[in-house]
Protein backbone atom coordinates (compact mmCIF):
# COMPACT_ATOMS: atom_id res chain seq x y z
CA GLU A 1 14.46 -22.10 11.01
CA THR A 2 16.02 -18.73 10.41
CA PRO A 3 18.33 -16.87 12.80
CA PHE A 4 16.73 -13.96 14.66
CA GLU A 5 19.30 -11.56 13.16
CA MET A 6 17.84 -12.10 9.66
CA GLY A 7 14.45 -10.66 10.69
CA ARG A 8 13.44 -7.03 10.97
CA LEU A 9 10.54 -5.16 12.57
CA GLY A 10 9.32 -1.80 11.38
CA LEU A 11 6.60 0.79 11.04
CA PHE A 12 5.10 1.51 7.60
CA TYR A 13 3.07 4.57 6.50
CA SER A 14 1.68 5.17 3.03
CA ASN A 15 -0.78 7.58 1.43
CA GLN A 16 -2.49 6.43 -1.79
CA SER A 17 -4.27 9.24 -3.69
CA SER A 18 -6.69 8.61 -6.56
CA GLU A 19 -8.68 11.04 -8.67
CA LEU A 20 -11.38 10.56 -11.32
CA GLN A 21 -11.28 13.78 -13.32
CA ASP A 22 -14.36 13.41 -15.54
CA VAL A 23 -16.69 12.54 -12.64
CA ASN A 24 -14.98 14.91 -10.15
CA ASN A 25 -14.31 12.31 -7.45
CA SER A 26 -11.19 11.58 -5.41
CA ALA A 27 -9.99 9.37 -2.58
CA ASP A 28 -7.04 9.34 -0.20
CA ILE A 29 -6.25 6.11 1.64
CA HIS A 30 -3.77 6.33 4.55
CA TYR A 31 -2.12 3.15 5.85
CA LEU A 32 -0.26 2.73 9.15
CA GLN A 33 1.10 -0.75 9.85
CA PHE A 34 3.52 -2.69 11.97
CA GLN A 35 5.58 -4.92 9.71
CA SER A 36 8.03 -7.77 9.92
CA SER A 37 10.38 -9.01 7.23
CA ILE A 38 13.06 -11.62 6.77
CA TYR A 39 16.22 -11.03 4.75
CA TYR A 40 18.12 -13.55 2.61
CA PRO A 41 21.68 -12.83 1.37
CA VAL A 42 21.98 -13.05 -2.44
CA ALA A 43 25.54 -11.84 -3.16
CA THR A 44 28.10 -9.55 -1.54
CA GLY A 45 26.18 -6.43 -0.53
CA TRP A 46 22.85 -7.71 -1.94
CA GLN A 47 19.90 -9.06 0.03
CA SER A 48 16.37 -10.04 -0.91
CA TYR A 49 13.50 -9.85 1.55
CA VAL A 50 9.84 -10.77 2.06
CA GLY A 51 7.48 -9.52 4.72
CA LEU A 52 3.99 -8.96 6.09
CA GLY A 53 2.29 -6.00 7.73
CA LEU A 54 -0.84 -5.50 9.86
CA GLY A 55 -2.44 -2.25 10.93
CA ALA A 56 -5.16 0.26 10.22
CA SER A 57 -6.29 2.44 7.35
CA TYR A 58 -8.17 5.71 7.01
CA ALA A 59 -10.18 6.31 3.82
CA ASP A 60 -10.79 9.99 3.09
CA ALA A 61 -13.52 9.62 0.45
CA ASP A 62 -17.20 10.52 0.17
CA TRP A 63 -18.19 7.05 -1.06
CA VAL A 64 -16.92 5.14 2.02
CA ASP A 65 -19.40 4.52 4.86
CA ASP A 66 -16.81 3.63 7.54
CA LYS A 67 -13.61 5.66 7.17
CA TYR A 68 -11.44 3.53 9.54
CA GLY A 69 -10.64 -0.13 8.93
CA PHE A 70 -8.24 -3.02 9.31
CA SER A 71 -5.42 -3.26 6.76
CA ALA A 72 -2.82 -5.82 5.77
CA SER A 73 0.12 -5.93 3.38
CA ALA A 74 2.59 -8.34 1.82
CA PHE A 75 5.83 -7.19 0.22
CA ALA A 76 9.06 -8.36 -1.38
CA GLY A 77 12.17 -6.52 -2.42
CA LEU A 78 15.86 -6.29 -3.11
CA GLU A 79 18.40 -4.24 -1.16
CA TYR A 80 21.98 -3.15 -1.80
CA THR A 81 23.91 -2.31 1.40
CA PHE A 82 26.42 0.57 1.23
CA SER A 83 27.28 0.38 4.94
CA LYS A 84 25.96 -1.17 8.13
CA ASN A 85 23.33 1.59 8.46
CA PHE A 86 22.63 2.75 4.87
CA ALA A 87 21.15 0.89 1.88
CA LEU A 88 19.36 1.34 -1.45
CA THR A 89 16.10 -0.61 -1.58
CA ALA A 90 13.42 -1.48 -4.15
CA GLN A 91 10.17 -3.27 -3.37
CA VAL A 92 6.69 -4.18 -4.56
CA ARG A 93 3.81 -4.24 -2.08
CA TRP A 94 0.18 -5.35 -1.97
CA LEU A 95 -2.07 -3.34 0.36
CA GLY A 96 -5.54 -4.48 1.38
CA THR A 97 -8.05 -2.66 3.55
CA VAL A 98 -11.56 -3.19 4.85
CA VAL A 99 -14.03 -0.65 3.43
CA ASP A 100 -17.77 -0.67 4.02
CA ASN A 101 -19.16 0.55 0.75
CA ASP A 102 -22.30 0.32 -1.38
CA THR A 103 -22.07 3.10 -3.97
CA SER A 104 -24.00 3.98 -7.09
CA GLY A 105 -24.10 7.08 -9.21
CA ALA A 106 -24.94 8.40 -12.64
CA CYS A 107 -23.13 11.08 -14.58
CA VAL A 108 -23.01 12.87 -17.90
CA LEU A 109 -19.52 13.28 -19.22
CA PRO A 110 -19.05 16.73 -20.71
CA THR A 111 -16.44 15.58 -23.23
CA ASP A 112 -18.70 13.66 -25.63
CA GLY A 113 -22.17 13.80 -24.10
CA SER A 114 -22.33 10.09 -23.24
CA SER A 115 -23.77 8.97 -19.92
CA CYS A 116 -22.30 6.57 -17.40
CA VAL A 117 -23.55 4.54 -14.47
CA ILE A 118 -21.18 3.66 -11.65
CA LYS A 119 -22.13 1.03 -9.08
CA PHE A 120 -20.05 -1.16 -6.82
CA GLU A 121 -20.41 -2.92 -3.51
CA THR A 122 -17.39 -4.11 -1.60
CA ASP A 123 -16.02 -4.89 1.83
CA TRP A 124 -12.34 -5.15 0.78
CA MET A 125 -10.15 -2.96 -1.42
CA ASN A 126 -6.78 -3.96 -2.93
CA GLN A 127 -4.00 -1.62 -4.00
CA PHE A 128 -0.49 -2.23 -5.31
CA GLN A 129 2.57 -0.02 -5.14
CA SER A 130 6.25 -0.11 -6.01
CA ASN A 131 8.92 1.78 -4.08
CA ILE A 132 12.53 2.75 -4.67
CA GLY A 133 14.43 4.53 -1.94
CA PHE A 134 17.04 4.52 0.77
CA SER A 135 16.85 2.90 4.17
CA PHE A 136 18.67 4.07 7.26
CA ARG A 137 19.01 1.82 10.30
CA PHE A 138 19.86 3.02 13.77
């Protein structure tokens, strides 16, 4: 068991933008999640943490059939506390979202004249991100 004081609740928002220049296609995925994490002291001023998040996503892309979906995340990080309310934090995070997609396309790349065929079918999309920043607690 872990004391209640070692856990934290929060709200997480992220925007993941992707662009394919040669085929002129882009996507923006927005995540909004409630998250919970647990902190473990490492040394004076240092804490590590792990957590999970659940929420929703919005996919702003032409190739997605259903733009809204369920999303989940798992994350881990390290934090250095300057004061009771202010800290430097670094983390890695996996983000997964439900997408309803069955896409195919053909293109001619103008750079060398070769052709390409793009086809994929999926119900789940994974993304990874790393963050460095400051946290402020109130």
